Amino acid sequence: TDDPWIIETEETKAGSNEKAILGLDDFLVKVSE
């Protein structure tokens, strides 16, 4: 009932109480930064 994960797209972004699921390329950029 309280899953925080949101698949991020151009239109949908994770809010303050949510966690982002990023595409592979975006993840690889974020993990390096």
Full PDB file with SEQRES, HELIX, SHEET, SSBOND, CRYST1, ORIGX, SCALE, CONECT and MASTER records, all heavy atoms in Angstrom:
SEQRES   1 A   33  THR ASP ASP PRO TRP ILE ILE GLU THR GLU GLU THR LYS          
SEQRES   2 A   33  ALA GLY SER ASN GLU LYS ALA ILE LEU GLY LEU ASP ASP          
SEQRES   3 A   33  PHE LEU VAL LYS VAL SER GLU                                  
HELIX    1 AA1 LEU A   24  SER A   32  1                                   9    
SHEET    1 AA1 2 TRP A   5  ILE A   7  0                                        
SHEET    2 AA1 2 LYS A  19  ILE A  21  1                                        
CRYST1    1.000    1.000    1.000  90.00  90.00  90.00 P 1           1          
ORIGX1      1.000000  0.000000  0.000000        0.00000                         
ORIGX2      0.000000  1.000000  0.000000        0.00000                         
ORIGX3      0.000000  0.000000  1.000000        0.00000                         
SCALE1      1.000000  0.000000  0.000000        0.00000                         
SCALE2      0.000000  1.000000  0.000000        0.00000                         
SCALE3      0.000000  0.000000  1.000000        0.00000                         
ATOM      1  N   THR A   1       0.806  -1.224   0.000  1.00  0.00           N  
ATOM      2  CA  THR A   1       0.000   0.000   0.000  1.00  0.00           C  
ATOM      3  C   THR A   1       0.839   1.275   0.000  1.00  0.00           C  
ATOM      4  O   THR A   1       0.344   2.332  -0.342  1.00  0.00           O  
ATOM      5  CB  THR A   1      -0.938   0.032   1.222  1.00  0.00           C  
ATOM      6  OG1 THR A   1      -0.152  -0.076   2.408  1.00  0.00           O  
ATOM      7  CG2 THR A   1      -1.950  -1.099   1.156  1.00  0.00           C  
ATOM      8  N   ASP A   2       2.081   1.191   0.375  1.00  0.00           N  
ATOM      9  CA  ASP A   2       2.891   2.406   0.517  1.00  0.00           C  
ATOM     10  C   ASP A   2       4.164   2.354  -0.315  1.00  0.00           C  
ATOM     11  O   ASP A   2       5.223   2.768   0.130  1.00  0.00           O  
ATOM     12  CB  ASP A   2       3.221   2.643   1.987  1.00  0.00           C  
ATOM     13  CG  ASP A   2       3.964   1.465   2.611  1.00  0.00           C  
ATOM     14  OD1 ASP A   2       4.042   0.393   1.968  1.00  0.00           O  
ATOM     15  OD2 ASP A   2       4.467   1.616   3.735  1.00  0.00           O  
ATOM     16  N   ASP A   3       4.067   1.859  -1.532  1.00  0.00           N  
ATOM     17  CA  ASP A   3       5.238   1.750  -2.390  1.00  0.00           C  
ATOM     18  C   ASP A   3       5.685   3.132  -2.865  1.00  0.00           C  
ATOM     19  O   ASP A   3       4.893   3.872  -3.452  1.00  0.00           O  
ATOM     20  CB  ASP A   3       4.924   0.866  -3.597  1.00  0.00           C  
ATOM     21  CG  ASP A   3       6.146   0.676  -4.463  1.00  0.00           C  
ATOM     22  OD1 ASP A   3       7.065  -0.042  -4.024  1.00  0.00           O  
ATOM     23  OD2 ASP A   3       6.196   1.262  -5.562  1.00  0.00           O  
ATOM     24  N   PRO A   4       6.951   3.502  -2.640  1.00  0.00           N  
ATOM     25  CA  PRO A   4       7.410   4.850  -3.001  1.00  0.00           C  
ATOM     26  C   PRO A   4       7.944   4.988  -4.422  1.00  0.00           C  
ATOM     27  O   PRO A   4       8.267   6.094  -4.849  1.00  0.00           O  
ATOM     28  CB  PRO A   4       8.544   5.086  -2.002  1.00  0.00           C  
ATOM     29  CG  PRO A   4       9.134   3.724  -1.806  1.00  0.00           C  
ATOM     30  CD  PRO A   4       7.955   2.770  -1.875  1.00  0.00           C  
ATOM     31  N   TRP A   5       8.057   3.894  -5.184  1.00  0.00           N  
ATOM     32  CA  TRP A   5       8.754   3.930  -6.464  1.00  0.00           C  
ATOM     33  C   TRP A   5       7.874   4.413  -7.606  1.00  0.00           C  
ATOM     34  O   TRP A   5       6.747   3.976  -7.766  1.00  0.00           O  
ATOM     35  CB  TRP A   5       9.304   2.544  -6.799  1.00  0.00           C  
ATOM     36  CG  TRP A   5      10.362   2.112  -5.835  1.00  0.00           C  
ATOM     37  CD1 TRP A   5      10.208   1.277  -4.768  1.00  0.00           C  
ATOM     38  CD2 TRP A   5      11.724   2.523  -5.829  1.00  0.00           C  
ATOM     39  NE1 TRP A   5      11.398   1.137  -4.112  1.00  0.00           N  
ATOM     40  CE2 TRP A   5      12.356   1.890  -4.742  1.00  0.00           C  
ATOM     41  CE3 TRP A   5      12.478   3.358  -6.647  1.00  0.00           C  
ATOM     42  CZ2 TRP A   5      13.708   2.079  -4.445  1.00  0.00           C  
ATOM     43  CZ3 TRP A   5      13.821   3.536  -6.351  1.00  0.00           C  
ATOM     44  CH2 TRP A   5      14.420   2.905  -5.265  1.00  0.00           C  
ATOM     45  N   ILE A   6       8.445   5.318  -8.416  1.00  0.00           N  
ATOM     46  CA  ILE A   6       7.786   5.904  -9.588  1.00  0.00           C  
ATOM     47  C   ILE A   6       8.735   5.786 -10.779  1.00  0.00           C  
ATOM     48  O   ILE A   6       9.897   6.189 -10.696  1.00  0.00           O  
ATOM     49  CB  ILE A   6       7.474   7.411  -9.368  1.00  0.00           C  
ATOM     50  CG1 ILE A   6       6.560   7.608  -8.177  1.00  0.00           C  
ATOM     51  CG2 ILE A   6       6.909   8.051 -10.632  1.00  0.00           C  
ATOM     52  CD1 ILE A   6       5.169   7.061  -8.355  1.00  0.00           C  
ATOM     53  N   ILE A   7       8.229   5.224 -11.882  1.00  0.00           N  
ATOM     54  CA  ILE A   7       9.037   5.193 -13.097  1.00  0.00           C  
ATOM     55  C   ILE A   7       9.020   6.585 -13.703  1.00  0.00           C  
ATOM     56  O   ILE A   7       7.960   7.102 -14.065  1.00  0.00           O  
ATOM     57  CB  ILE A   7       8.508   4.152 -14.102  1.00  0.00           C  
ATOM     58  CG1 ILE A   7       8.621   2.747 -13.508  1.00  0.00           C  
ATOM     59  CG2 ILE A   7       9.270   4.248 -15.427  1.00  0.00           C  
ATOM     60  CD1 ILE A   7       8.011   1.653 -14.359  1.00  0.00           C  
ATOM     61  N   GLU A   8      10.186   7.199 -13.761  1.00  0.00           N  
ATOM     62  CA  GLU A   8      10.264   8.566 -14.288  1.00  0.00           C  
ATOM     63  C   GLU A   8      10.241   8.561 -15.806  1.00  0.00           C  
ATOM     64  O   GLU A   8      10.889   7.746 -16.462  1.00  0.00           O  
ATOM     65  CB  GLU A   8      11.519   9.277 -13.777  1.00  0.00           C  
ATOM     66  CG  GLU A   8      11.386   9.706 -12.334  1.00  0.00           C  
ATOM     67  CD  GLU A   8      12.348  10.822 -11.967  1.00  0.00           C  
ATOM     68  OE1 GLU A   8      13.330  11.086 -12.690  1.00  0.00           O  
ATOM     69  OE2 GLU A   8      12.093  11.456 -10.917  1.00  0.00           O  
ATOM     70  N   THR A   9       9.477   9.507 -16.352  1.00  0.00           N  
ATOM     71  CA  THR A   9       9.407   9.764 -17.783  1.00  0.00           C  
ATOM     72  C   THR A   9       9.538  11.273 -17.979  1.00  0.00           C  
ATOM     73  O   THR A   9       9.695  12.015 -17.008  1.00  0.00           O  
ATOM     74  CB  THR A   9       8.064   9.272 -18.373  1.00  0.00           C  
ATOM     75  OG1 THR A   9       7.000  10.032 -17.781  1.00  0.00           O  
ATOM     76  CG2 THR A   9       7.844   7.782 -18.121  1.00  0.00           C  
ATOM     77  N   GLU A  10       9.418  11.720 -19.208  1.00  0.00           N  
ATOM     78  CA  GLU A  10       9.430  13.160 -19.470  1.00  0.00           C  
ATOM     79  C   GLU A  10       8.282  13.848 -18.738  1.00  0.00           C  
ATOM     80  O   GLU A  10       8.422  14.962 -18.247  1.00  0.00           O  
ATOM     81  CB  GLU A  10       9.323  13.430 -20.971  1.00  0.00           C  
ATOM     82  CG  GLU A  10      10.540  13.021 -21.765  1.00  0.00           C  
ATOM     83  CD  GLU A  10      11.739  13.906 -21.490  1.00  0.00           C  
ATOM     84  OE1 GLU A  10      11.563  15.124 -21.286  1.00  0.00           O  
ATOM     85  OE2 GLU A  10      12.862  13.370 -21.477  1.00  0.00           O  
ATOM     86  N   GLU A  11       7.126  13.172 -18.680  1.00  0.00           N  
ATOM     87  CA  GLU A  11       5.928  13.761 -18.079  1.00  0.00           C  
ATOM     88  C   GLU A  11       5.810  13.489 -16.578  1.00  0.00           C  
ATOM     89  O   GLU A  11       5.172  14.250 -15.861  1.00  0.00           O  
ATOM     90  CB  GLU A  11       4.656  13.210 -18.748  1.00  0.00           C  
ATOM     91  CG  GLU A  11       4.556  13.457 -20.239  1.00  0.00           C  
ATOM     92  CD  GLU A  11       5.338  12.439 -21.062  1.00  0.00           C  
ATOM     93  OE1 GLU A  11       5.452  11.261 -20.654  1.00  0.00           O  
ATOM     94  OE2 GLU A  11       5.870  12.832 -22.111  1.00  0.00           O  
ATOM     95  N   THR A  12       6.392  12.403 -16.092  1.00  0.00           N  
ATOM     96  CA  THR A  12       6.226  11.992 -14.701  1.00  0.00           C  
ATOM     97  C   THR A  12       7.556  12.023 -13.974  1.00  0.00           C  
ATOM     98  O   THR A  12       8.511  11.375 -14.393  1.00  0.00           O  
ATOM     99  CB  THR A  12       5.649  10.558 -14.634  1.00  0.00           C  
ATOM    100  OG1 THR A  12       4.475  10.492 -15.421  1.00  0.00           O  
ATOM    101  CG2 THR A  12       5.352  10.145 -13.211  1.00  0.00           C  
ATOM    102  N   LYS A  13       7.601  12.764 -12.878  1.00  0.00           N  
ATOM    103  CA  LYS A  13       8.802  12.839 -12.046  1.00  0.00           C  
ATOM    104  C   LYS A  13       8.435  12.451 -10.618  1.00  0.00           C  
ATOM    105  O   LYS A  13       7.318  12.679 -10.162  1.00  0.00           O  
ATOM    106  CB  LYS A  13       9.387  14.265 -12.055  1.00  0.00           C  
ATOM    107  CG  LYS A  13       9.784  14.769 -13.421  1.00  0.00           C  
ATOM    108  CD  LYS A  13      10.936  13.985 -13.988  1.00  0.00           C  
ATOM    109  CE  LYS A  13      11.310  14.495 -15.376  1.00  0.00           C  
ATOM    110  NZ  LYS A  13      12.160  13.605 -16.097  1.00  0.00           N  
ATOM    111  N   ALA A  14       9.393  11.864  -9.910  1.00  0.00           N  
ATOM    112  CA  ALA A  14       9.167  11.474  -8.526  1.00  0.00           C  
ATOM    113  C   ALA A  14       9.039  12.715  -7.653  1.00  0.00           C  
ATOM    114  O   ALA A  14       9.789  13.679  -7.803  1.00  0.00           O  
ATOM    115  CB  ALA A  14      10.311  10.600  -8.037  1.00  0.00           C  
ATOM    116  N   GLY A  15       8.074  12.684  -6.738  1.00  0.00           N  
ATOM    117  CA  GLY A  15       7.865  13.780  -5.800  1.00  0.00           C  
ATOM    118  C   GLY A  15       8.757  13.651  -4.577  1.00  0.00           C  
ATOM    119  O   GLY A  15       9.636  12.779  -4.515  1.00  0.00           O  
ATOM    120  N   SER A  16       8.519  14.475  -3.585  1.00  0.00           N  
ATOM    121  CA  SER A  16       9.394  14.525  -2.405  1.00  0.00           C  
ATOM    122  C   SER A  16       9.343  13.246  -1.575  1.00  0.00           C  
ATOM    123  O   SER A  16      10.324  12.883  -0.947  1.00  0.00           O  
ATOM    124  CB  SER A  16       9.038  15.730  -1.534  1.00  0.00           C  
ATOM    125  OG  SER A  16       7.697  15.633  -1.100  1.00  0.00           O  
ATOM    126  N   ASN A  17       8.227  12.548  -1.533  1.00  0.00           N  
ATOM    127  CA  ASN A  17       8.109  11.309  -0.764  1.00  0.00           C  
ATOM    128  C   ASN A  17       8.200  10.077  -1.651  1.00  0.00           C  
ATOM    129  O   ASN A  17       7.829   8.984  -1.229  1.00  0.00           O  
ATOM    130  CB  ASN A  17       6.789  11.271   0.008  1.00  0.00           C  
ATOM    131  CG  ASN A  17       6.745  12.315   1.095  1.00  0.00           C  
ATOM    132  OD1 ASN A  17       7.782  12.726   1.606  1.00  0.00           O  
ATOM    133  ND2 ASN A  17       5.563  12.765   1.429  1.00  0.00           N  
ATOM    134  N   GLU A  18       8.683  10.242  -2.875  1.00  0.00           N  
ATOM    135  CA  GLU A  18       8.757   9.142  -3.823  1.00  0.00           C  
ATOM    136  C   GLU A  18      10.207   8.925  -4.253  1.00  0.00           C  
ATOM    137  O   GLU A  18      11.049   9.796  -4.102  1.00  0.00           O  
ATOM    138  CB  GLU A  18       7.895   9.458  -5.052  1.00  0.00           C  
ATOM    139  CG  GLU A  18       6.419   9.598  -4.716  1.00  0.00           C  
ATOM    140  CD  GLU A  18       5.594  10.121  -5.870  1.00  0.00           C  
ATOM    141  OE1 GLU A  18       6.103  10.941  -6.663  1.00  0.00           O  
ATOM    142  OE2 GLU A  18       4.438   9.698  -5.966  1.00  0.00           O  
ATOM    143  N   LYS A  19      10.456   7.721  -4.760  1.00  0.00           N  
ATOM    144  CA  LYS A  19      11.785   7.374  -5.256  1.00  0.00           C  
ATOM    145  C   LYS A  19      11.693   7.124  -6.755  1.00  0.00           C  
ATOM    146  O   LYS A  19      10.746   6.500  -7.222  1.00  0.00           O  
ATOM    147  CB  LYS A  19      12.307   6.127  -4.551  1.00  0.00           C  
ATOM    148  CG  LYS A  19      12.521   6.333  -3.060  1.00  0.00           C  
ATOM    149  CD  LYS A  19      13.018   5.063  -2.420  1.00  0.00           C  
ATOM    150  CE  LYS A  19      13.224   5.271  -0.933  1.00  0.00           C  
ATOM    151  NZ  LYS A  19      13.751   4.056  -0.293  1.00  0.00           N  
ATOM    152  N   ALA A  20      12.691   7.581  -7.472  1.00  0.00           N  
ATOM    153  CA  ALA A  20      12.683   7.499  -8.933  1.00  0.00           C  
ATOM    154  C   ALA A  20      13.261   6.183  -9.433  1.00  0.00           C  
ATOM    155  O   ALA A  20      14.289   5.714  -8.949  1.00  0.00           O  
ATOM    156  CB  ALA A  20      13.483   8.656  -9.525  1.00  0.00           C  
ATOM    157  N   ILE A  21      12.575   5.608 -10.419  1.00  0.00           N  
ATOM    158  CA  ILE A  21      13.109   4.500 -11.201  1.00  0.00           C  
ATOM    159  C   ILE A  21      13.524   5.124 -12.528  1.00  0.00           C  
ATOM    160  O   ILE A  21      12.684   5.604 -13.288  1.00  0.00           O  
ATOM    161  CB  ILE A  21      12.067   3.392 -11.426  1.00  0.00           C  
ATOM    162  CG1 ILE A  21      11.589   2.824 -10.089  1.00  0.00           C  
ATOM    163  CG2 ILE A  21      12.648   2.295 -12.304  1.00  0.00           C  
ATOM    164  CD1 ILE A  21      10.432   1.839 -10.218  1.00  0.00           C  
ATOM    165  N   LEU A  22      14.817   5.130 -12.781  1.00  0.00           N  
ATOM    166  CA  LEU A  22      15.376   5.791 -13.967  1.00  0.00           C  
ATOM    167  C   LEU A  22      15.645   4.777 -15.072  1.00  0.00           C  
ATOM    168  O   LEU A  22      15.931   3.613 -14.795  1.00  0.00           O  
ATOM    169  CB  LEU A  22      16.690   6.476 -13.602  1.00  0.00           C  
ATOM    170  CG  LEU A  22      16.652   7.483 -12.453  1.00  0.00           C  
ATOM    171  CD1 LEU A  22      18.065   7.886 -12.062  1.00  0.00           C  
ATOM    172  CD2 LEU A  22      15.836   8.688 -12.846  1.00  0.00           C  
ATOM    173  N   GLY A  23      15.590   5.237 -16.308  1.00  0.00           N  
ATOM    174  CA  GLY A  23      16.032   4.417 -17.429  1.00  0.00           C  
ATOM    175  C   GLY A  23      17.510   4.108 -17.275  1.00  0.00           C  
ATOM    176  O   GLY A  23      18.230   4.805 -16.546  1.00  0.00           O  
ATOM    177  N   LEU A  24      17.995   3.084 -17.951  1.00  0.00           N  
ATOM    178  CA  LEU A  24      19.381   2.647 -17.776  1.00  0.00           C  
ATOM    179  C   LEU A  24      20.384   3.759 -18.060  1.00  0.00           C  
ATOM    180  O   LEU A  24      21.301   3.988 -17.262  1.00  0.00           O  
ATOM    181  CB  LEU A  24      19.666   1.428 -18.665  1.00  0.00           C  
ATOM    182  CG  LEU A  24      21.080   0.857 -18.574  1.00  0.00           C  
ATOM    183  CD1 LEU A  24      21.416   0.435 -17.152  1.00  0.00           C  
ATOM    184  CD2 LEU A  24      21.234  -0.294 -19.545  1.00  0.00           C  
ATOM    185  N   ASP A  25      20.234   4.481 -19.154  1.00  0.00           N  
ATOM    186  CA  ASP A  25      21.187   5.546 -19.479  1.00  0.00           C  
ATOM    187  C   ASP A  25      21.169   6.655 -18.431  1.00  0.00           C  
ATOM    188  O   ASP A  25      22.220   7.129 -18.003  1.00  0.00           O  
ATOM    189  CB  ASP A  25      20.909   6.116 -20.872  1.00  0.00           C  
ATOM    190  CG  ASP A  25      21.204   5.111 -21.973  1.00  0.00           C  
ATOM    191  OD1 ASP A  25      22.018   4.185 -21.757  1.00  0.00           O  
ATOM    192  OD2 ASP A  25      20.606   5.241 -23.069  1.00  0.00           O  
ATOM    193  N   ASP A  26      19.963   7.075 -18.003  1.00  0.00           N  
ATOM    194  CA  ASP A  26      19.858   8.109 -16.975  1.00  0.00           C  
ATOM    195  C   ASP A  26      20.448   7.619 -15.649  1.00  0.00           C  
ATOM    196  O   ASP A  26      21.097   8.376 -14.924  1.00  0.00           O  
ATOM    197  CB  ASP A  26      18.399   8.527 -16.766  1.00  0.00           C  
ATOM    198  CG  ASP A  26      17.845   9.277 -17.958  1.00  0.00           C  
ATOM    199  OD1 ASP A  26      18.627   9.865 -18.733  1.00  0.00           O  
ATOM    200  OD2 ASP A  26      16.609   9.282 -18.125  1.00  0.00           O  
ATOM    201  N   PHE A  27      20.229   6.341 -15.330  1.00  0.00           N  
ATOM    202  CA  PHE A  27      20.803   5.772 -14.111  1.00  0.00           C  
ATOM    203  C   PHE A  27      22.326   5.832 -14.151  1.00  0.00           C  
ATOM    204  O   PHE A  27      22.968   6.215 -13.174  1.00  0.00           O  
ATOM    205  CB  PHE A  27      20.337   4.323 -13.916  1.00  0.00           C  
ATOM    206  CG  PHE A  27      21.145   3.587 -12.888  1.00  0.00           C  
ATOM    207  CD1 PHE A  27      20.918   3.803 -11.539  1.00  0.00           C  
ATOM    208  CD2 PHE A  27      22.158   2.719 -13.266  1.00  0.00           C  
ATOM    209  CE1 PHE A  27      21.688   3.141 -10.584  1.00  0.00           C  
ATOM    210  CE2 PHE A  27      22.920   2.054 -12.319  1.00  0.00           C  
ATOM    211  CZ  PHE A  27      22.684   2.268 -10.968  1.00  0.00           C  
ATOM    212  N   LEU A  28      22.924   5.440 -15.281  1.00  0.00           N  
ATOM    213  CA  LEU A  28      24.385   5.425 -15.385  1.00  0.00           C  
ATOM    214  C   LEU A  28      24.971   6.828 -15.250  1.00  0.00           C  
ATOM    215  O   LEU A  28      26.042   7.002 -14.656  1.00  0.00           O  
ATOM    216  CB  LEU A  28      24.821   4.770 -16.699  1.00  0.00           C  
ATOM    217  CG  LEU A  28      24.521   3.261 -16.786  1.00  0.00           C  
ATOM    218  CD1 LEU A  28      24.794   2.742 -18.190  1.00  0.00           C  
ATOM    219  CD2 LEU A  28      25.294   2.478 -15.741  1.00  0.00           C  
ATOM    220  N   VAL A  29      24.267   7.841 -15.747  1.00  0.00           N  
ATOM    221  CA  VAL A  29      24.707   9.226 -15.568  1.00  0.00           C  
ATOM    222  C   VAL A  29      24.596   9.613 -14.097  1.00  0.00           C  
ATOM    223  O   VAL A  29      25.536  10.143 -13.507  1.00  0.00           O  
ATOM    224  CB  VAL A  29      23.877  10.189 -16.455  1.00  0.00           C  
ATOM    225  CG1 VAL A  29      24.136  11.631 -16.074  1.00  0.00           C  
ATOM    226  CG2 VAL A  29      24.190   9.949 -17.923  1.00  0.00           C  
ATOM    227  N   LYS A  30      23.449   9.322 -13.484  1.00  0.00           N  
ATOM    228  CA  LYS A  30      23.214   9.709 -12.083  1.00  0.00           C  
ATOM    229  C   LYS A  30      24.192   9.016 -11.139  1.00  0.00           C  
ATOM    230  O   LYS A  30      24.693   9.630 -10.200  1.00  0.00           O  
ATOM    231  CB  LYS A  30      21.782   9.391 -11.675  1.00  0.00           C  
ATOM    232  CG  LYS A  30      21.506   9.682 -10.225  1.00  0.00           C  
ATOM    233  CD  LYS A  30      20.217  10.375 -10.037  1.00  0.00           C  
ATOM    234  CE  LYS A  30      20.058  10.743  -8.574  1.00  0.00           C  
ATOM    235  NZ  LYS A  30      19.009  11.652  -8.360  1.00  0.00           N  
ATOM    236  N   VAL A  31      24.461   7.746 -11.374  1.00  0.00           N  
ATOM    237  CA  VAL A  31      25.350   7.007 -10.481  1.00  0.00           C  
ATOM    238  C   VAL A  31      26.779   7.550 -10.561  1.00  0.00           C  
ATOM    239  O   VAL A  31      27.525   7.480  -9.585  1.00  0.00           O  
ATOM    240  CB  VAL A  31      25.285   5.480 -10.748  1.00  0.00           C  
ATOM    241  CG1 VAL A  31      26.102   5.064 -11.950  1.00  0.00           C  
ATOM    242  CG2 VAL A  31      25.666   4.680  -9.536  1.00  0.00           C  
ATOM    243  N   SER A  32      27.146   8.125 -11.689  1.00  0.00           N  
ATOM    244  CA  SER A  32      28.484   8.712 -11.810  1.00  0.00           C  
ATOM    245  C   SER A  32      28.566  10.098 -11.177  1.00  0.00           C  
ATOM    246  O   SER A  32      29.656  10.574 -10.887  1.00  0.00           O  
ATOM    247  CB  SER A  32      28.905   8.780 -13.278  1.00  0.00           C  
ATOM    248  OG  SER A  32      28.131   9.735 -13.972  1.00  0.00           O  
ATOM    249  N   GLU A  33      27.416  10.733 -10.957  1.00  0.00           N  
ATOM    250  CA  GLU A  33      27.386  12.101 -10.428  1.00  0.00           C  
ATOM    251  C   GLU A  33      27.057  12.199  -8.945  1.00  0.00           C  
ATOM    252  O   GLU A  33      27.286  13.234  -8.342  1.00  0.00           O  
ATOM    253  CB  GLU A  33      26.355  12.933 -11.198  1.00  0.00           C  
ATOM    254  CG  GLU A  33      26.689  13.136 -12.655  1.00  0.00           C  
ATOM    255  CD  GLU A  33      25.576  13.840 -13.413  1.00  0.00           C  
ATOM    256  OE1 GLU A  33      24.463  13.966 -12.873  1.00  0.00           O  
ATOM    257  OE2 GLU A  33      25.832  14.257 -14.556  1.00  0.00           O  
TER     258      GLU A  33                                                      
MASTER        0    0    0    1    2    0    0    6  257    1    0    3          
END                                                                             
